Amino acid sequence: MPFDAATGTTIHADAPAVDTNPLADPTPRRVLPCVDAGSGWVLLFTGGNPERYRCAEADVLLQALARAVRPALWFPAERKLLLAVAARGCRSGKELPFILD
């Protein structure tokens, strides 16, 4: 069994490979987006690291954030920011997706 000195762990030959690419992670993450309305940049802090994306509808995103009823969810694999906003007849809120570039 080979030993990885960088991580201090033993690598087993039959162990599945671990993908450390954050964009391949299908689980959503709770984020608090910071939006620059003038330029359309959106700053997300995921895992303590800042990530910057562009949003074509920054003004709509700001309006949705003002009406959000729960934390925003970030899907890194799809680059999708999902907001639940207050809406009549929807007790848990209406979900609005925003695709970031």
PDB file of N, CA and C in Angstrom:
ATOM      1  N   MET A   1       0.838  -1.175   0.000  1.00  0.00           N
ATOM      2  CA  MET A   1       0.000   0.000   0.000  1.00  0.00           C
ATOM      3  C   MET A   1       0.885   1.241   0.000  1.00  0.00           C
ATOM      4  N   PRO A   2       0.732   2.100  -0.992  1.00  0.00           N
ATOM      5  CA  PRO A   2       1.549   3.308  -1.056  1.00  0.00           C
ATOM      6  C   PRO A   2       1.135   4.313   0.015  1.00  0.00           C
ATOM      7  N   PHE A   3       2.118   5.077   0.454  1.00  0.00           N
ATOM      8  CA  PHE A   3       1.898   6.107   1.464  1.00  0.00           C
ATOM      9  C   PHE A   3       2.036   7.470   0.811  1.00  0.00           C
ATOM     10  N   ASP A   4       1.042   8.336   1.022  1.00  0.00           N
ATOM     11  CA  ASP A   4       1.077   9.691   0.481  1.00  0.00           C
ATOM     12  C   ASP A   4       1.644  10.612   1.556  1.00  0.00           C
ATOM     13  N   ALA A   5       2.879  11.073   1.357  1.00  0.00           N
ATOM     14  CA  ALA A   5       3.546  11.908   2.355  1.00  0.00           C
ATOM     15  C   ALA A   5       2.908  13.284   2.477  1.00  0.00           C
ATOM     16  N   ALA A   6       2.287  13.763   1.406  1.00  0.00           N
ATOM     17  CA  ALA A   6       1.681  15.101   1.436  1.00  0.00           C
ATOM     18  C   ALA A   6       0.504  15.153   2.394  1.00  0.00           C
ATOM     19  N   THR A   7      -0.320  14.096   2.392  1.00  0.00           N
ATOM     20  CA  THR A   7      -1.503  14.085   3.253  1.00  0.00           C
ATOM     21  C   THR A   7      -1.325  13.217   4.481  1.00  0.00           C
ATOM     22  N   GLY A   8      -0.283  12.368   4.497  1.00  0.00           N
ATOM     23  CA  GLY A   8      -0.046  11.496   5.636  1.00  0.00           C
ATOM     24  C   GLY A   8      -0.995  10.325   5.701  1.00  0.00           C
ATOM     25  N   THR A   9      -1.522   9.890   4.566  1.00  0.00           N
ATOM     26  CA  THR A   9      -2.471   8.784   4.541  1.00  0.00           C
ATOM     27  C   THR A   9      -1.952   7.660   3.660  1.00  0.00           C
ATOM     28  N   THR A  10      -2.493   6.486   3.902  1.00  0.00           N
ATOM     29  CA  THR A  10      -2.161   5.325   3.088  1.00  0.00           C
ATOM     30  C   THR A  10      -3.200   5.186   1.999  1.00  0.00           C
ATOM     31  N   ILE A  11      -2.754   4.993   0.778  1.00  0.00           N
ATOM     32  CA  ILE A  11      -3.660   4.856  -0.358  1.00  0.00           C
ATOM     33  C   ILE A  11      -3.863   3.375  -0.637  1.00  0.00           C
ATOM     34  N   HIS A  12      -5.088   2.916  -0.558  1.00  0.00           N
ATOM     35  CA  HIS A  12      -5.417   1.524  -0.844  1.00  0.00           C
ATOM     36  C   HIS A  12      -5.687   1.371  -2.330  1.00  0.00           C
ATOM     37  N   ALA A  13      -5.235   0.265  -2.882  1.00  0.00           N
ATOM     38  CA  ALA A  13      -5.394   0.032  -4.317  1.00  0.00           C
ATOM     39  C   ALA A  13      -6.850  -0.126  -4.710  1.00  0.00           C
ATOM     40  N   ASP A  14      -7.676  -0.681  -3.818  1.00  0.00           N
ATOM     41  CA  ASP A  14      -9.077  -0.907  -4.158  1.00  0.00           C
ATOM     42  C   ASP A  14      -9.982   0.247  -3.732  1.00  0.00           C
ATOM     43  N   ALA A  15      -9.415   1.307  -3.188  1.00  0.00           N
ATOM     44  CA  ALA A  15     -10.215   2.453  -2.752  1.00  0.00           C
ATOM     45  C   ALA A  15     -10.655   3.275  -3.961  1.00  0.00           C
ATOM     46  N   PRO A  16     -11.905   3.745  -3.960  1.00  0.00           N
ATOM     47  CA  PRO A  16     -12.359   4.579  -5.077  1.00  0.00           C
ATOM     48  C   PRO A  16     -11.647   5.926  -5.066  1.00  0.00           C
ATOM     49  N   ALA A  17     -11.450   6.454  -6.237  1.00  0.00           N
ATOM     50  CA  ALA A  17     -10.813   7.766  -6.357  1.00  0.00           C
ATOM     51  C   ALA A  17     -11.751   8.835  -5.813  1.00  0.00           C
ATOM     52  N   VAL A  18     -11.201   9.787  -5.112  1.00  0.00           N
ATOM     53  CA  VAL A  18     -11.989  10.875  -4.539  1.00  0.00           C
ATOM     54  C   VAL A  18     -11.810  12.097  -5.414  1.00  0.00           C
ATOM     55  N   ASP A  19     -12.936  12.640  -5.885  1.00  0.00           N
ATOM     56  CA  ASP A  19     -12.893  13.836  -6.716  1.00  0.00           C
ATOM     57  C   ASP A  19     -12.959  15.054  -5.806  1.00  0.00           C
ATOM     58  N   THR A  20     -11.937  15.883  -5.836  1.00  0.00           N
ATOM     59  CA  THR A  20     -11.903  17.064  -4.977  1.00  0.00           C
ATOM     60  C   THR A  20     -12.336  18.323  -5.711  1.00  0.00           C
ATOM     61  N   ASN A  21     -12.881  18.185  -6.902  1.00  0.00           N
ATOM     62  CA  ASN A  21     -13.342  19.330  -7.676  1.00  0.00           C
ATOM     63  C   ASN A  21     -14.639  19.851  -7.057  1.00  0.00           C
ATOM     64  N   PRO A  22     -14.679  21.102  -6.548  1.00  0.00           N
ATOM     65  CA  PRO A  22     -15.900  21.608  -5.926  1.00  0.00           C
ATOM     66  C   PRO A  22     -17.053  21.765  -6.910  1.00  0.00           C
ATOM     67  N   LEU A  23     -16.756  21.916  -8.198  1.00  0.00           N
ATOM     68  CA  LEU A  23     -17.840  22.049  -9.174  1.00  0.00           C
ATOM     69  C   LEU A  23     -18.541  20.728  -9.425  1.00  0.00           C
ATOM     70  N   ALA A  24     -17.924  19.608  -9.055  1.00  0.00           N
ATOM     71  CA  ALA A  24     -18.537  18.304  -9.256  1.00  0.00           C
ATOM     72  C   ALA A  24     -19.450  17.927  -8.095  1.00  0.00           C
ATOM     73  N   ASP A  25     -19.505  18.737  -7.062  1.00  0.00           N
ATOM     74  CA  ASP A  25     -20.305  18.442  -5.878  1.00  0.00           C
ATOM     75  C   ASP A  25     -21.778  18.726  -6.164  1.00  0.00           C
ATOM     76  N   PRO A  26     -22.654  17.691  -6.118  1.00  0.00           N
ATOM     77  CA  PRO A  26     -24.068  17.916  -6.435  1.00  0.00           C
ATOM     78  C   PRO A  26     -24.877  18.475  -5.268  1.00  0.00           C
ATOM     79  N   THR A  27     -24.319  18.486  -4.062  1.00  0.00           N
ATOM     80  CA  THR A  27     -25.093  18.942  -2.916  1.00  0.00           C
ATOM     81  C   THR A  27     -25.112  20.466  -2.849  1.00  0.00           C
ATOM     82  N   PRO A  28     -26.273  21.027  -2.543  1.00  0.00           N
ATOM     83  CA  PRO A  28     -26.350  22.493  -2.450  1.00  0.00           C
ATOM     84  C   PRO A  28     -25.677  22.993  -1.177  1.00  0.00           C
ATOM     85  N   ARG A  29     -25.206  24.232  -1.250  1.00  0.00           N
ATOM     86  CA  ARG A  29     -24.566  24.880  -0.104  1.00  0.00           C
ATOM     87  C   ARG A  29     -25.306  26.168   0.204  1.00  0.00           C
ATOM     88  N   ARG A  30     -25.481  26.450   1.480  1.00  0.00           N
ATOM     89  CA  ARG A  30     -26.097  27.714   1.882  1.00  0.00           C
ATOM     90  C   ARG A  30     -25.066  28.820   1.751  1.00  0.00           C
ATOM     91  N   VAL A  31     -25.452  29.892   1.087  1.00  0.00           N
ATOM     92  CA  VAL A  31     -24.548  31.022   0.880  1.00  0.00           C
ATOM     93  C   VAL A  31     -25.300  32.327   1.114  1.00  0.00           C
ATOM     94  N   LEU A  32     -24.540  33.368   1.348  1.00  0.00           N
ATOM     95  CA  LEU A  32     -25.078  34.722   1.418  1.00  0.00           C
ATOM     96  C   LEU A  32     -24.422  35.497   0.288  1.00  0.00           C
ATOM     97  N   PRO A  33     -25.127  35.688  -0.836  1.00  0.00           N
ATOM     98  CA  PRO A  33     -24.513  36.363  -1.981  1.00  0.00           C
ATOM     99  C   PRO A  33     -24.357  37.862  -1.748  1.00  0.00           C
ATOM    100  N   CYS A  34     -23.239  38.391  -2.192  1.00  0.00           N
ATOM    101  CA  CYS A  34     -22.983  39.832  -2.196  1.00  0.00           C
ATOM    102  C   CYS A  34     -23.051  40.279  -3.649  1.00  0.00           C
ATOM    103  N   VAL A  35     -23.958  41.191  -3.964  1.00  0.00           N
ATOM    104  CA  VAL A  35     -24.215  41.580  -5.349  1.00  0.00           C
ATOM    105  C   VAL A  35     -23.784  43.018  -5.577  1.00  0.00           C
ATOM    106  N   ASP A  36     -23.016  43.239  -6.644  1.00  0.00           N
ATOM    107  CA  ASP A  36     -22.659  44.584  -7.097  1.00  0.00           C
ATOM    108  C   ASP A  36     -23.631  44.927  -8.223  1.00  0.00           C
ATOM    109  N   ALA A  37     -24.607  45.777  -7.926  1.00  0.00           N
ATOM    110  CA  ALA A  37     -25.662  46.078  -8.893  1.00  0.00           C
ATOM    111  C   ALA A  37     -25.137  46.786 -10.130  1.00  0.00           C
ATOM    112  N   GLY A  38     -24.108  47.579  -9.986  1.00  0.00           N
ATOM    113  CA  GLY A  38     -23.577  48.333 -11.122  1.00  0.00           C
ATOM    114  C   GLY A  38     -22.897  47.465 -12.155  1.00  0.00           C
ATOM    115  N   SER A  39     -22.080  46.528 -11.698  1.00  0.00           N
ATOM    116  CA  SER A  39     -21.315  45.708 -12.644  1.00  0.00           C
ATOM    117  C   SER A  39     -21.916  44.329 -12.874  1.00  0.00           C
ATOM    118  N   GLY A  40     -22.804  43.886 -11.991  1.00  0.00           N
ATOM    119  CA  GLY A  40     -23.417  42.572 -12.150  1.00  0.00           C
ATOM    120  C   GLY A  40     -22.614  41.433 -11.545  1.00  0.00           C
ATOM    121  N   TRP A  41     -21.568  41.741 -10.781  1.00  0.00           N
ATOM    122  CA  TRP A  41     -20.769  40.701 -10.145  1.00  0.00           C
ATOM    123  C   TRP A  41     -21.471  40.192  -8.897  1.00  0.00           C
ATOM    124  N   VAL A  42     -21.373  38.883  -8.670  1.00  0.00           N
ATOM    125  CA  VAL A  42     -21.919  38.245  -7.475  1.00  0.00           C
ATOM    126  C   VAL A  42     -20.765  37.549  -6.768  1.00  0.00           C
ATOM    127  N   LEU A  43     -20.586  37.842  -5.491  1.00  0.00           N
ATOM    128  CA  LEU A  43     -19.526  37.239  -4.697  1.00  0.00           C
ATOM    129  C   LEU A  43     -20.157  36.240  -3.738  1.00  0.00           C
ATOM    130  N   LEU A  44     -19.664  34.994  -3.776  1.00  0.00           N
ATOM    131  CA  LEU A  44     -20.145  33.935  -2.895  1.00  0.00           C
ATOM    132  C   LEU A  44     -18.975  33.434  -2.061  1.00  0.00           C
ATOM    133  N   PHE A  45     -19.217  33.186  -0.785  1.00  0.00           N
ATOM    134  CA  PHE A  45     -18.207  32.573   0.075  1.00  0.00           C
ATOM    135  C   PHE A  45     -18.615  31.126   0.291  1.00  0.00           C
ATOM    136  N   THR A  46     -17.891  30.211  -0.331  1.00  0.00           N
ATOM    137  CA  THR A  46     -18.178  28.787  -0.201  1.00  0.00           C
ATOM    138  C   THR A  46     -16.971  28.102   0.413  1.00  0.00           C
ATOM    139  N   GLY A  47     -17.172  27.507   1.555  1.00  0.00           N
ATOM    140  CA  GLY A  47     -16.077  26.837   2.238  1.00  0.00           C
ATOM    141  C   GLY A  47     -14.979  27.785   2.668  1.00  0.00           C
ATOM    142  N   GLY A  48     -15.317  29.041   2.914  1.00  0.00           N
ATOM    143  CA  GLY A  48     -14.328  30.026   3.324  1.00  0.00           C
ATOM    144  C   GLY A  48     -13.576  30.670   2.175  1.00  0.00           C
ATOM    145  N   ASN A  49     -13.845  30.232   0.959  1.00  0.00           N
ATOM    146  CA  ASN A  49     -13.166  30.787  -0.213  1.00  0.00           C
ATOM    147  C   ASN A  49     -14.117  31.679  -0.998  1.00  0.00           C
ATOM    148  N   PRO A  50     -13.697  32.888  -1.354  1.00  0.00           N
ATOM    149  CA  PRO A  50     -14.566  33.747  -2.171  1.00  0.00           C
ATOM    150  C   PRO A  50     -14.548  33.305  -3.634  1.00  0.00           C
ATOM    151  N   GLU A  51     -15.723  33.256  -4.236  1.00  0.00           N
ATOM    152  CA  GLU A  51     -15.854  32.936  -5.659  1.00  0.00           C
ATOM    153  C   GLU A  51     -16.670  34.045  -6.300  1.00  0.00           C
ATOM    154  N   ARG A  52     -16.237  34.511  -7.469  1.00  0.00           N
ATOM    155  CA  ARG A  52     -16.888  35.638  -8.131  1.00  0.00           C
ATOM    156  C   ARG A  52     -17.495  35.176  -9.443  1.00  0.00           C
ATOM    157  N   TYR A  53     -18.759  35.544  -9.656  1.00  0.00           N
ATOM    158  CA  TYR A  53     -19.493  35.174 -10.865  1.00  0.00           C
ATOM    159  C   TYR A  53     -20.214  36.394 -11.414  1.00  0.00           C
ATOM    160  N   ARG A  54     -20.629  36.307 -12.670  1.00  0.00           N
ATOM    161  CA  ARG A  54     -21.423  37.370 -13.300  1.00  0.00           C
ATOM    162  C   ARG A  54     -22.881  36.936 -13.332  1.00  0.00           C
ATOM    163  N   CYS A  55     -23.762  37.911 -13.160  1.00  0.00           N
ATOM    164  CA  CYS A  55     -25.196  37.664 -13.249  1.00  0.00           C
ATOM    165  C   CYS A  55     -25.780  38.641 -14.261  1.00  0.00           C
ATOM    166  N   ALA A  56     -26.458  38.107 -15.266  1.00  0.00           N
ATOM    167  CA  ALA A  56     -27.049  38.950 -16.299  1.00  0.00           C
ATOM    168  C   ALA A  56     -28.233  39.748 -15.755  1.00  0.00           C
ATOM    169  N   GLU A  57     -28.871  39.243 -14.707  1.00  0.00           N
ATOM    170  CA  GLU A  57     -30.053  39.897 -14.128  1.00  0.00           C
ATOM    171  C   GLU A  57     -29.762  40.324 -12.689  1.00  0.00           C
ATOM    172  N   ALA A  58     -28.752  41.144 -12.500  1.00  0.00           N
ATOM    173  CA  ALA A  58     -28.346  41.542 -11.149  1.00  0.00           C
ATOM    174  C   ALA A  58     -29.447  42.315 -10.430  1.00  0.00           C
ATOM    175  N   ASP A  59     -30.185  43.154 -11.146  1.00  0.00           N
ATOM    176  CA  ASP A  59     -31.258  43.921 -10.503  1.00  0.00           C
ATOM    177  C   ASP A  59     -32.389  43.011 -10.034  1.00  0.00           C
ATOM    178  N   VAL A  60     -32.724  41.991 -10.827  1.00  0.00           N
ATOM    179  CA  VAL A  60     -33.765  41.027 -10.433  1.00  0.00           C
ATOM    180  C   VAL A  60     -33.279  40.200  -9.243  1.00  0.00           C
ATOM    181  N   LEU A  61     -31.997  39.838  -9.251  1.00  0.00           N
ATOM    182  CA  LEU A  61     -31.418  39.090  -8.138  1.00  0.00           C
ATOM    183  C   LEU A  61     -31.486  39.906  -6.848  1.00  0.00           C
ATOM    184  N   LEU A  62     -31.203  41.201  -6.915  1.00  0.00           N
ATOM    185  CA  LEU A  62     -31.287  42.060  -5.729  1.00  0.00           C
ATOM    186  C   LEU A  62     -32.711  42.140  -5.190  1.00  0.00           C
ATOM    187  N   GLN A  63     -33.695  42.247  -6.085  1.00  0.00           N
ATOM    188  CA  GLN A  63     -35.091  42.282  -5.654  1.00  0.00           C
ATOM    189  C   GLN A  63     -35.490  40.962  -4.997  1.00  0.00           C
ATOM    190  N   ALA A  64     -35.016  39.848  -5.564  1.00  0.00           N
ATOM    191  CA  ALA A  64     -35.326  38.536  -4.997  1.00  0.00           C
ATOM    192  C   ALA A  64     -34.664  38.362  -3.628  1.00  0.00           C
ATOM    193  N   LEU A  65     -33.440  38.842  -3.479  1.00  0.00           N
ATOM    194  CA  LEU A  65     -32.768  38.753  -2.180  1.00  0.00           C
ATOM    195  C   LEU A  65     -33.511  39.553  -1.113  1.00  0.00           C
ATOM    196  N   ALA A  66     -34.103  40.669  -1.503  1.00  0.00           N
ATOM    197  CA  ALA A  66     -34.864  41.488  -0.554  1.00  0.00           C
ATOM    198  C   ALA A  66     -36.129  40.773  -0.086  1.00  0.00           C
ATOM    199  N   ARG A  67     -36.653  39.854  -0.903  1.00  0.00           N
ATOM    200  CA  ARG A  67     -37.884  39.129  -0.572  1.00  0.00           C
ATOM    201  C   ARG A  67     -37.623  37.687  -0.145  1.00  0.00           C
ATOM    202  N   ALA A  68     -36.364  37.313   0.045  1.00  0.00           N
ATOM    203  CA  ALA A  68     -36.021  35.924   0.370  1.00  0.00           C
ATOM    204  C   ALA A  68     -36.577  35.529   1.736  1.00  0.00           C
ATOM    205  N   VAL A  69     -37.077  34.298   1.822  1.00  0.00           N
ATOM    206  CA  VAL A  69     -37.647  33.795   3.073  1.00  0.00           C
ATOM    207  C   VAL A  69     -36.758  32.734   3.725  1.00  0.00           C
ATOM    208  N   ARG A  70     -35.688  32.335   3.056  1.00  0.00           N
ATOM    209  CA  ARG A  70     -34.716  31.410   3.638  1.00  0.00           C
ATOM    210  C   ARG A  70     -33.374  31.621   2.948  1.00  0.00           C
ATOM    211  N   PRO A  71     -32.302  31.067   3.494  1.00  0.00           N
ATOM    212  CA  PRO A  71     -30.977  31.287   2.890  1.00  0.00           C
ATOM    213  C   PRO A  71     -30.908  30.798   1.446  1.00  0.00           C
ATOM    214  N   ALA A  72     -30.081  31.468   0.667  1.00  0.00           N
ATOM    215  CA  ALA A  72     -29.877  31.077  -0.731  1.00  0.00           C
ATOM    216  C   ALA A  72     -29.097  29.770  -0.783  1.00  0.00           C
ATOM    217  N   LEU A  73     -29.408  28.951  -1.785  1.00  0.00           N
ATOM    218  CA  LEU A  73     -28.706  27.687  -1.998  1.00  0.00           C
ATOM    219  C   LEU A  73     -27.876  27.790  -3.264  1.00  0.00           C
ATOM    220  N   TRP A  74     -26.624  27.356  -3.190  1.00  0.00           N
ATOM    221  CA  TRP A  74     -25.707  27.391  -4.324  1.00  0.00           C
ATOM    222  C   TRP A  74     -25.426  25.966  -4.766  1.00  0.00           C
ATOM    223  N   PHE A  75     -25.682  25.690  -6.056  1.00  0.00           N
ATOM    224  CA  PHE A  75     -25.388  24.402  -6.669  1.00  0.00           C
ATOM    225  C   PHE A  75     -24.158  24.595  -7.553  1.00  0.00           C
ATOM    226  N   PRO A  76     -22.955  24.257  -7.067  1.00  0.00           N
ATOM    227  CA  PRO A  76     -21.738  24.548  -7.829  1.00  0.00           C
ATOM    228  C   PRO A  76     -21.645  23.802  -9.153  1.00  0.00           C
ATOM    229  N   ALA A  77     -22.161  22.582  -9.229  1.00  0.00           N
ATOM    230  CA  ALA A  77     -22.053  21.813 -10.473  1.00  0.00           C
ATOM    231  C   ALA A  77     -22.842  22.464 -11.601  1.00  0.00           C
ATOM    232  N   GLU A  78     -23.959  23.094 -11.255  1.00  0.00           N
ATOM    233  CA  GLU A  78     -24.821  23.729 -12.257  1.00  0.00           C
ATOM    234  C   GLU A  78     -24.621  25.236 -12.324  1.00  0.00           C
ATOM    235  N   ARG A  79     -23.828  25.771 -11.399  1.00  0.00           N
ATOM    236  CA  ARG A  79     -23.652  27.226 -11.258  1.00  0.00           C
ATOM    237  C   ARG A  79     -24.999  27.923 -11.093  1.00  0.00           C
ATOM    238  N   LYS A  80     -25.846  27.302 -10.272  1.00  0.00           N
ATOM    239  CA  LYS A  80     -27.200  27.808 -10.067  1.00  0.00           C
ATOM    240  C   LYS A  80     -27.348  28.305  -8.635  1.00  0.00           C
ATOM    241  N   LEU A  81     -27.870  29.518  -8.509  1.00  0.00           N
ATOM    242  CA  LEU A  81     -28.202  30.103  -7.219  1.00  0.00           C
ATOM    243  C   LEU A  81     -29.716  30.037  -7.092  1.00  0.00           C
ATOM    244  N   LEU A  82     -30.206  29.382  -6.045  1.00  0.00           N
ATOM    245  CA  LEU A  82     -31.636  29.178  -5.869  1.00  0.00           C
ATOM    246  C   LEU A  82     -32.113  29.984  -4.672  1.00  0.00           C
ATOM    247  N   LEU A  83     -33.088  30.862  -4.924  1.00  0.00           N
ATOM    248  CA  LEU A  83     -33.665  31.696  -3.871  1.00  0.00           C
ATOM    249  C   LEU A  83     -35.129  31.351  -3.701  1.00  0.00           C
ATOM    250  N   ALA A  84     -35.586  31.296  -2.465  1.00  0.00           N
ATOM    251  CA  ALA A  84     -37.004  31.126  -2.168  1.00  0.00           C
ATOM    252  C   ALA A  84     -37.523  32.483  -1.710  1.00  0.00           C
ATOM    253  N   VAL A  85     -38.472  33.037  -2.466  1.00  0.00           N
ATOM    254  CA  VAL A  85     -39.003  34.366  -2.158  1.00  0.00           C
ATOM    255  C   VAL A  85     -40.441  34.252  -1.684  1.00  0.00           C
ATOM    256  N   ALA A  86     -40.873  35.258  -0.934  1.00  0.00           N
ATOM    257  CA  ALA A  86     -42.237  35.287  -0.440  1.00  0.00           C
ATOM    258  C   ALA A  86     -43.203  35.394  -1.609  1.00  0.00           C
ATOM    259  N   ALA A  87     -44.236  34.559  -1.573  1.00  0.00           N
ATOM    260  CA  ALA A  87     -45.252  34.574  -2.624  1.00  0.00           C
ATOM    261  C   ALA A  87     -46.585  34.147  -2.022  1.00  0.00           C
ATOM    262  N   ARG A  88     -47.641  34.782  -2.466  1.00  0.00           N
ATOM    263  CA  ARG A  88     -48.974  34.462  -1.975  1.00  0.00           C
ATOM    264  C   ARG A  88     -49.353  33.049  -2.415  1.00  0.00           C
ATOM    265  N   GLY A  89     -49.816  32.252  -1.459  1.00  0.00           N
ATOM    266  CA  GLY A  89     -50.244  30.894  -1.756  1.00  0.00           C
ATOM    267  C   GLY A  89     -49.132  29.857  -1.668  1.00  0.00           C
ATOM    268  N   CYS A  90     -47.903  30.294  -1.465  1.00  0.00           N
ATOM    269  CA  CYS A  90     -46.762  29.367  -1.342  1.00  0.00           C
ATOM    270  C   CYS A  90     -46.188  29.510   0.058  1.00  0.00           C
ATOM    271  N   ARG A  91     -46.545  28.596   0.927  1.00  0.00           N
ATOM    272  CA  ARG A  91     -46.137  28.708   2.324  1.00  0.00           C
ATOM    273  C   ARG A  91     -44.616  28.674   2.497  1.00  0.00           C
ATOM    274  N   SER A  92     -43.942  27.833   1.728  1.00  0.00           N
ATOM    275  CA  SER A  92     -42.487  27.727   1.874  1.00  0.00           C
ATOM    276  C   SER A  92     -41.743  28.658   0.929  1.00  0.00           C
ATOM    277  N   GLY A  93     -42.472  29.466   0.178  1.00  0.00           N
ATOM    278  CA  GLY A  93     -41.849  30.400  -0.755  1.00  0.00           C
ATOM    279  C   GLY A  93     -41.761  29.832  -2.157  1.00  0.00           C
ATOM    280  N   LYS A  94     -41.664  30.722  -3.115  1.00  0.00           N
ATOM    281  CA  LYS A  94     -41.524  30.328  -4.520  1.00  0.00           C
ATOM    282  C   LYS A  94     -40.043  30.349  -4.870  1.00  0.00           C
ATOM    283  N   GLU A  95     -39.555  29.259  -5.456  1.00  0.00           N
ATOM    284  CA  GLU A  95     -38.129  29.161  -5.768  1.00  0.00           C
ATOM    285  C   GLU A  95     -37.814  29.812  -7.106  1.00  0.00           C
ATOM    286  N   LEU A  96     -36.803  30.679  -7.095  1.00  0.00           N
ATOM    287  CA  LEU A  96     -36.342  31.352  -8.304  1.00  0.00           C
ATOM    288  C   LEU A  96     -34.889  30.963  -8.563  1.00  0.00           C
ATOM    289  N   PRO A  97     -34.608  30.339  -9.713  1.00  0.00           N
ATOM    290  CA  PRO A  97     -33.216  29.980 -10.018  1.00  0.00           C
ATOM    291  C   PRO A  97     -32.509  31.097 -10.787  1.00  0.00           C
ATOM    292  N   PHE A  98     -31.241  31.300 -10.490  1.00  0.00           N
ATOM    293  CA  PHE A  98     -30.396  32.242 -11.218  1.00  0.00           C
ATOM    294  C   PHE A  98     -29.141  31.491 -11.642  1.00  0.00           C
ATOM    295  N   ILE A  99     -28.865  31.475 -12.943  1.00  0.00           N
ATOM    296  CA  ILE A  99     -27.666  30.838 -13.466  1.00  0.00           C
ATOM    297  C   ILE A  99     -26.575  31.904 -13.544  1.00  0.00           C
ATOM    298  N   LEU A 100     -25.441  31.638 -12.903  1.00  0.00           N
ATOM    299  CA  LEU A 100     -24.338  32.595 -12.862  1.00  0.00           C
ATOM    300  C   LEU A 100     -23.235  32.154 -13.809  1.00  0.00           C
ATOM    301  N   ASP A 101     -22.601  33.122 -14.451  1.00  0.00           N
ATOM    302  CA  ASP A 101     -21.510  32.832 -15.393  1.00  0.00           C
ATOM    303  C   ASP A 101     -20.164  32.975 -14.724  1.00  0.00           C
TER     304      ASP A 101
END
